[in-house]
Amino acid sequence: MKQDFNATYWQQRYLSNQTGWDTKGITTPLKVYFDQLTDKDLRILIPGCGNAYEAEYLFNNGFTHVYVADVAPAPLEQFASRVPDFPKEHLLLQNFFDLQGQYDLIVEQTFFCALDPDLRAAYACKCVELLAPNGKLIGLLFDTVFEKAGPPFGGTAAEYRLYFEPYFKFVHFEKAYNSIAPRQGSELFINLQKK
């Protein structure tokens, strides 16, 4: 029987501390990318945000239109207590595929690999729907196949191209040179601009 990776599943993972993907802070590739952004008014969405260290970093650096979304309440509650000044209305307890609105930037950090691989084409399509004209999807994708059943679910650059090429111009799509040590050599950094 196929596992349903729903809100209950993820809430239980957080409550039982089964969060092996959690890096306890922003990862280097995303920090380097954020540090070169100059427009603090960008509308930024971080779906499947987990503990949302990326949102914390952006918010603490003056980005005021950062939104985080997750299906599980636990990580959003933990984030709200860790970053009490973050606007409560920017904490979205929602399924990614139900989100509305327009964003200039969608940040991908271990959400794509947490989705059932059957949803990957729908993920690419939903990102396009949520992005404003010329908006970008940036972040990291695992470029490796995992031995254990997921999540996380791995994959290859060639596979991912099939999902994104219909909708995006590939600004950058290569192995990350500055991944954190445990992920060195197994991540792609992507910067995809909506066509």
C-alpha atoms as a PDB file:
ATOM      1  CA  MET A   1       0.000   0.000   0.000  1.00  0.00           C
ATOM      2  CA  LYS A   2       1.293   3.438  -0.960  1.00  0.00           C
ATOM      3  CA  GLN A   3       2.180   5.826   1.886  1.00  0.00           C
ATOM      4  CA  ASP A   4       0.171   9.061   2.054  1.00  0.00           C
ATOM      5  CA  PHE A   5       2.604  11.883   2.821  1.00  0.00           C
ATOM      6  CA  ASN A   6      -0.109  14.121   4.226  1.00  0.00           C
ATOM      7  CA  ALA A   7      -0.292  16.678   7.057  1.00  0.00           C
ATOM      8  CA  THR A   8      -0.651  13.942   9.695  1.00  0.00           C
ATOM      9  CA  TYR A   9       2.440  12.140   8.401  1.00  0.00           C
ATOM     10  CA  TRP A  10       4.593  15.301   8.476  1.00  0.00           C
ATOM     11  CA  GLN A  11       3.230  16.501  11.808  1.00  0.00           C
ATOM     12  CA  GLN A  12       4.207  13.146  13.329  1.00  0.00           C
ATOM     13  CA  ARG A  13       7.698  13.400  11.830  1.00  0.00           C
ATOM     14  CA  TYR A  14       8.199  16.793  13.494  1.00  0.00           C
ATOM     15  CA  LEU A  15       6.702  15.760  16.833  1.00  0.00           C
ATOM     16  CA  SER A  16       8.875  12.628  16.980  1.00  0.00           C
ATOM     17  CA  ASN A  17      11.981  14.555  15.878  1.00  0.00           C
ATOM     18  CA  GLN A  18      12.392  12.484  12.700  1.00  0.00           C
ATOM     19  CA  THR A  19      13.830  15.432  10.785  1.00  0.00           C
ATOM     20  CA  GLY A  20      17.114  14.186   9.374  1.00  0.00           C
ATOM     21  CA  TRP A  21      16.921  16.798   6.598  1.00  0.00           C
ATOM     22  CA  ASP A  22      17.041  19.649   9.129  1.00  0.00           C
ATOM     23  CA  THR A  23      20.378  21.466   8.843  1.00  0.00           C
ATOM     24  CA  LYS A  24      19.753  23.697  11.919  1.00  0.00           C
ATOM     25  CA  GLY A  25      20.426  26.782   9.813  1.00  0.00           C
ATOM     26  CA  ILE A  26      20.443  28.250   6.334  1.00  0.00           C
ATOM     27  CA  THR A  27      22.621  26.324   3.880  1.00  0.00           C
ATOM     28  CA  THR A  28      25.502  28.019   2.087  1.00  0.00           C
ATOM     29  CA  PRO A  29      24.138  27.994  -1.503  1.00  0.00           C
ATOM     30  CA  LEU A  30      20.946  29.783  -0.458  1.00  0.00           C
ATOM     31  CA  LYS A  31      22.755  32.249   1.811  1.00  0.00           C
ATOM     32  CA  VAL A  32      25.131  33.177  -1.031  1.00  0.00           C
ATOM     33  CA  TYR A  33      22.192  33.667  -3.408  1.00  0.00           C
ATOM     34  CA  PHE A  34      20.191  35.757  -0.922  1.00  0.00           C
ATOM     35  CA  ASP A  35      23.202  37.930  -0.114  1.00  0.00           C
ATOM     36  CA  GLN A  36      23.329  39.210  -3.710  1.00  0.00           C
ATOM     37  CA  LEU A  37      19.646  40.220  -3.796  1.00  0.00           C
ATOM     38  CA  THR A  38      19.134  43.978  -3.574  1.00  0.00           C
ATOM     39  CA  ASP A  39      15.339  44.328  -3.835  1.00  0.00           C
ATOM     40  CA  LYS A  40      14.018  43.902  -0.290  1.00  0.00           C
ATOM     41  CA  ASP A  41      10.427  44.220  -1.565  1.00  0.00           C
ATOM     42  CA  LEU A  42      10.447  40.916  -3.453  1.00  0.00           C
ATOM     43  CA  ARG A  43       7.470  38.703  -2.644  1.00  0.00           C
ATOM     44  CA  ILE A  44       9.120  35.435  -1.615  1.00  0.00           C
ATOM     45  CA  LEU A  45       7.438  32.089  -0.996  1.00  0.00           C
ATOM     46  CA  ILE A  46       9.099  29.147   0.744  1.00  0.00           C
ATOM     47  CA  PRO A  47       6.831  26.100   0.323  1.00  0.00           C
ATOM     48  CA  GLY A  48       7.219  23.008   2.499  1.00  0.00           C
ATOM     49  CA  CYS A  49       9.239  25.355   4.662  1.00  0.00           C
ATOM     50  CA  GLY A  50       9.872  23.102   7.658  1.00  0.00           C
ATOM     51  CA  ASN A  51      11.807  25.088  10.255  1.00  0.00           C
ATOM     52  CA  ALA A  52      12.269  27.871   7.686  1.00  0.00           C
ATOM     53  CA  TYR A  53      15.806  28.984   8.444  1.00  0.00           C
ATOM     54  CA  GLU A  54      15.798  30.608   4.992  1.00  0.00           C
ATOM     55  CA  ALA A  55      12.796  32.771   5.933  1.00  0.00           C
ATOM     56  CA  GLU A  56      14.420  33.708   9.219  1.00  0.00           C
ATOM     57  CA  TYR A  57      17.595  34.776   7.407  1.00  0.00           C
ATOM     58  CA  LEU A  58      15.693  36.809   4.815  1.00  0.00           C
ATOM     59  CA  PHE A  59      13.443  38.460   7.408  1.00  0.00           C
ATOM     60  CA  ASN A  60      16.404  39.341   9.633  1.00  0.00           C
ATOM     61  CA  ASN A  61      18.050  40.922   6.583  1.00  0.00           C
ATOM     62  CA  GLY A  62      15.176  43.274   5.827  1.00  0.00           C
ATOM     63  CA  PHE A  63      13.014  41.294   3.401  1.00  0.00           C
ATOM     64  CA  THR A  64       9.469  42.147   4.475  1.00  0.00           C
ATOM     65  CA  HIS A  65       7.352  40.102   2.060  1.00  0.00           C
ATOM     66  CA  VAL A  66       8.471  36.570   2.926  1.00  0.00           C
ATOM     67  CA  TYR A  67       5.784  33.867   3.142  1.00  0.00           C
ATOM     68  CA  VAL A  68       6.258  30.337   4.444  1.00  0.00           C
ATOM     69  CA  ALA A  69       3.914  27.420   3.854  1.00  0.00           C
ATOM     70  CA  ASP A  70       3.706  23.954   5.334  1.00  0.00           C
ATOM     71  CA  VAL A  71       0.974  21.339   5.809  1.00  0.00           C
ATOM     72  CA  ALA A  72       2.138  20.524   9.351  1.00  0.00           C
ATOM     73  CA  PRO A  73       1.498  23.031  12.139  1.00  0.00           C
ATOM     74  CA  ALA A  74       4.494  22.012  14.292  1.00  0.00           C
ATOM     75  CA  PRO A  75       7.259  23.619  12.203  1.00  0.00           C
ATOM     76  CA  LEU A  76       5.231  26.804  11.727  1.00  0.00           C
ATOM     77  CA  GLU A  77       4.633  27.010  15.473  1.00  0.00           C
ATOM     78  CA  GLN A  78       8.335  26.439  16.182  1.00  0.00           C
ATOM     79  CA  PHE A  79       9.266  29.101  13.648  1.00  0.00           C
ATOM     80  CA  ALA A  80       6.787  31.600  15.135  1.00  0.00           C
ATOM     81  CA  SER A  81       8.274  31.122  18.600  1.00  0.00           C
ATOM     82  CA  ARG A  82      11.843  31.403  17.252  1.00  0.00           C
ATOM     83  CA  VAL A  83      11.103  34.516  15.152  1.00  0.00           C
ATOM     84  CA  PRO A  84       8.321  36.267  17.117  1.00  0.00           C
ATOM     85  CA  ASP A  85       8.350  39.452  14.991  1.00  0.00           C
ATOM     86  CA  PHE A  86       7.663  37.568  11.747  1.00  0.00           C
ATOM     87  CA  PRO A  87       4.159  38.541  10.504  1.00  0.00           C
ATOM     88  CA  LYS A  88       1.670  35.875  11.579  1.00  0.00           C
ATOM     89  CA  GLU A  89      -0.328  36.376   8.366  1.00  0.00           C
ATOM     90  CA  HIS A  90       2.757  35.241   6.404  1.00  0.00           C
ATOM     91  CA  LEU A  91       2.649  31.810   8.090  1.00  0.00           C
ATOM     92  CA  LEU A  92       0.526  29.694   5.752  1.00  0.00           C
ATOM     93  CA  LEU A  93      -0.755  26.388   7.108  1.00  0.00           C
ATOM     94  CA  GLN A  94      -1.688  25.068   3.667  1.00  0.00           C
ATOM     95  CA  ASN A  95      -1.024  22.437   1.091  1.00  0.00           C
ATOM     96  CA  PHE A  96       1.289  23.846  -1.574  1.00  0.00           C
ATOM     97  CA  PHE A  97      -1.136  22.870  -4.330  1.00  0.00           C
ATOM     98  CA  ASP A  98      -3.894  24.961  -2.698  1.00  0.00           C
ATOM     99  CA  LEU A  99      -1.830  28.141  -2.398  1.00  0.00           C
ATOM    100  CA  GLN A 100      -2.911  31.309  -4.195  1.00  0.00           C
ATOM    101  CA  GLY A 101      -1.163  34.579  -4.925  1.00  0.00           C
ATOM    102  CA  GLN A 102       1.746  35.840  -6.972  1.00  0.00           C
ATOM    103  CA  TYR A 103       5.382  35.738  -5.912  1.00  0.00           C
ATOM    104  CA  ASP A 104       8.583  37.067  -7.416  1.00  0.00           C
ATOM    105  CA  LEU A 105      10.669  34.249  -5.990  1.00  0.00           C
ATOM    106  CA  ILE A 106       9.928  30.691  -4.875  1.00  0.00           C
ATOM    107  CA  VAL A 107      12.661  29.113  -2.771  1.00  0.00           C
ATOM    108  CA  GLU A 108      13.182  25.350  -3.031  1.00  0.00           C
ATOM    109  CA  GLN A 109      14.918  23.660  -0.103  1.00  0.00           C
ATOM    110  CA  THR A 110      14.065  19.968   0.524  1.00  0.00           C
ATOM    111  CA  PHE A 111      10.383  20.332  -0.403  1.00  0.00           C
ATOM    112  CA  PHE A 112      10.579  18.872  -3.909  1.00  0.00           C
ATOM    113  CA  CYS A 113      12.389  15.776  -2.566  1.00  0.00           C
ATOM    114  CA  ALA A 114       9.707  15.325   0.112  1.00  0.00           C
ATOM    115  CA  LEU A 115       6.877  15.148  -2.411  1.00  0.00           C
ATOM    116  CA  ASP A 116       5.739  11.872  -3.891  1.00  0.00           C
ATOM    117  CA  PRO A 117       7.618  11.749  -7.235  1.00  0.00           C
ATOM    118  CA  ASP A 118       4.259  11.381  -8.993  1.00  0.00           C
ATOM    119  CA  LEU A 119       3.624  15.046  -8.069  1.00  0.00           C
ATOM    120  CA  ARG A 120       6.778  16.489  -9.621  1.00  0.00           C
ATOM    121  CA  ALA A 121       5.183  17.583 -12.891  1.00  0.00           C
ATOM    122  CA  ALA A 122       2.320  19.167 -10.928  1.00  0.00           C
ATOM    123  CA  TYR A 123       4.877  20.936  -8.704  1.00  0.00           C
ATOM    124  CA  ALA A 124       6.516  22.558 -11.743  1.00  0.00           C
ATOM    125  CA  CYS A 125       3.112  23.613 -13.065  1.00  0.00           C
ATOM    126  CA  LYS A 126       2.034  25.055  -9.690  1.00  0.00           C
ATOM    127  CA  CYS A 127       5.282  27.031  -9.380  1.00  0.00           C
ATOM    128  CA  VAL A 128       4.538  28.666 -12.736  1.00  0.00           C
ATOM    129  CA  GLU A 129       1.015  29.506 -11.582  1.00  0.00           C
ATOM    130  CA  LEU A 130       2.322  31.134  -8.372  1.00  0.00           C
ATOM    131  CA  LEU A 131       5.127  33.117 -10.001  1.00  0.00           C
ATOM    132  CA  ALA A 132       4.632  36.656 -11.240  1.00  0.00           C
ATOM    133  CA  PRO A 133       5.840  37.459 -14.778  1.00  0.00           C
ATOM    134  CA  ASN A 134       9.625  36.916 -14.909  1.00  0.00           C
ATOM    135  CA  GLY A 135       9.482  35.333 -11.451  1.00  0.00           C
ATOM    136  CA  LYS A 136      12.085  32.779 -10.463  1.00  0.00           C
ATOM    137  CA  LEU A 137      12.240  29.372  -8.843  1.00  0.00           C
ATOM    138  CA  ILE A 138      15.605  29.078  -7.107  1.00  0.00           C
ATOM    139  CA  GLY A 139      17.107  26.559  -4.746  1.00  0.00           C
ATOM    140  CA  LEU A 140      18.478  23.075  -4.443  1.00  0.00           C
ATOM    141  CA  LEU A 141      17.448  19.697  -5.802  1.00  0.00           C
ATOM    142  CA  PHE A 142      19.057  16.386  -4.897  1.00  0.00           C
ATOM    143  CA  ASP A 143      20.984  15.012  -7.882  1.00  0.00           C
ATOM    144  CA  THR A 144      21.345  11.530  -6.480  1.00  0.00           C
ATOM    145  CA  VAL A 145      19.375   8.335  -5.988  1.00  0.00           C
ATOM    146  CA  PHE A 146      18.888   7.291  -2.372  1.00  0.00           C
ATOM    147  CA  GLU A 147      19.254   3.673  -1.268  1.00  0.00           C
ATOM    148  CA  LYS A 148      16.329   3.799   1.168  1.00  0.00           C
ATOM    149  CA  ALA A 149      12.721   4.414   0.210  1.00  0.00           C
ATOM    150  CA  GLY A 150      11.805   8.084   0.556  1.00  0.00           C
ATOM    151  CA  PRO A 151      11.193  10.656   1.554  1.00  0.00           C
ATOM    152  CA  PRO A 152      13.613  12.071   0.639  1.00  0.00           C
ATOM    153  CA  PHE A 153      13.172  11.013  -2.957  1.00  0.00           C
ATOM    154  CA  GLY A 154      16.149  11.476  -5.227  1.00  0.00           C
ATOM    155  CA  GLY A 155      16.424  11.910  -8.947  1.00  0.00           C
ATOM    156  CA  THR A 156      18.610  13.167 -11.760  1.00  0.00           C
ATOM    157  CA  ALA A 157      19.177  16.428 -13.594  1.00  0.00           C
ATOM    158  CA  ALA A 158      17.919  14.847 -16.811  1.00  0.00           C
ATOM    159  CA  GLU A 159      14.640  13.851 -15.143  1.00  0.00           C
ATOM    160  CA  TYR A 160      14.126  17.289 -13.592  1.00  0.00           C
ATOM    161  CA  ARG A 161      14.670  19.033 -16.938  1.00  0.00           C
ATOM    162  CA  LEU A 162      11.611  17.233 -18.289  1.00  0.00           C
ATOM    163  CA  TYR A 163       9.402  18.817 -15.604  1.00  0.00           C
ATOM    164  CA  PHE A 164      10.745  22.364 -15.818  1.00  0.00           C
ATOM    165  CA  GLU A 165      11.696  22.933 -19.484  1.00  0.00           C
ATOM    166  CA  PRO A 166       8.128  23.570 -20.694  1.00  0.00           C
ATOM    167  CA  TYR A 167       7.703  26.499 -18.304  1.00  0.00           C
ATOM    168  CA  PHE A 168      11.110  27.929 -17.422  1.00  0.00           C
ATOM    169  CA  LYS A 169      14.223  29.484 -18.895  1.00  0.00           C
ATOM    170  CA  PHE A 170      17.258  27.831 -17.287  1.00  0.00           C
ATOM    171  CA  VAL A 171      19.404  30.657 -15.875  1.00  0.00           C
ATOM    172  CA  HIS A 172      21.473  28.210 -13.792  1.00  0.00           C
ATOM    173  CA  PHE A 173      21.096  24.445 -13.465  1.00  0.00           C
ATOM    174  CA  GLU A 174      24.313  22.828 -12.285  1.00  0.00           C
ATOM    175  CA  LYS A 175      25.928  20.962  -9.406  1.00  0.00           C
ATOM    176  CA  ALA A 176      26.182  23.255  -6.401  1.00  0.00           C
ATOM    177  CA  TYR A 177      29.836  24.112  -5.762  1.00  0.00           C
ATOM    178  CA  ASN A 178      29.217  25.220  -2.179  1.00  0.00           C
ATOM    179  CA  SER A 179      26.886  22.592  -0.697  1.00  0.00           C
ATOM    180  CA  ILE A 180      27.175  21.819   2.991  1.00  0.00           C
ATOM    181  CA  ALA A 181      29.531  18.891   3.687  1.00  0.00           C
ATOM    182  CA  PRO A 182      26.926  16.076   3.980  1.00  0.00           C
ATOM    183  CA  ARG A 183      25.391  17.084   0.623  1.00  0.00           C
ATOM    184  CA  GLN A 184      28.605  17.865  -1.277  1.00  0.00           C
ATOM    185  CA  GLY A 185      28.402  16.570  -4.845  1.00  0.00           C
ATOM    186  CA  SER A 186      24.750  15.537  -4.580  1.00  0.00           C
ATOM    187  CA  GLU A 187      22.877  18.816  -5.112  1.00  0.00           C
ATOM    188  CA  LEU A 188      21.936  20.921  -8.103  1.00  0.00           C
ATOM    189  CA  PHE A 189      21.570  24.654  -7.652  1.00  0.00           C
ATOM    190  CA  ILE A 190      18.715  25.868  -9.808  1.00  0.00           C
ATOM    191  CA  ASN A 191      17.736  29.349 -10.939  1.00  0.00           C
ATOM    192  CA  LEU A 192      14.783  29.010 -13.280  1.00  0.00           C
ATOM    193  CA  GLN A 193      12.947  32.013 -14.698  1.00  0.00           C
ATOM    194  CA  LYS A 194       9.310  31.792 -15.704  1.00  0.00           C
ATOM    195  CA  LYS A 195       8.936  31.975 -19.504  1.00  0.00           C
END
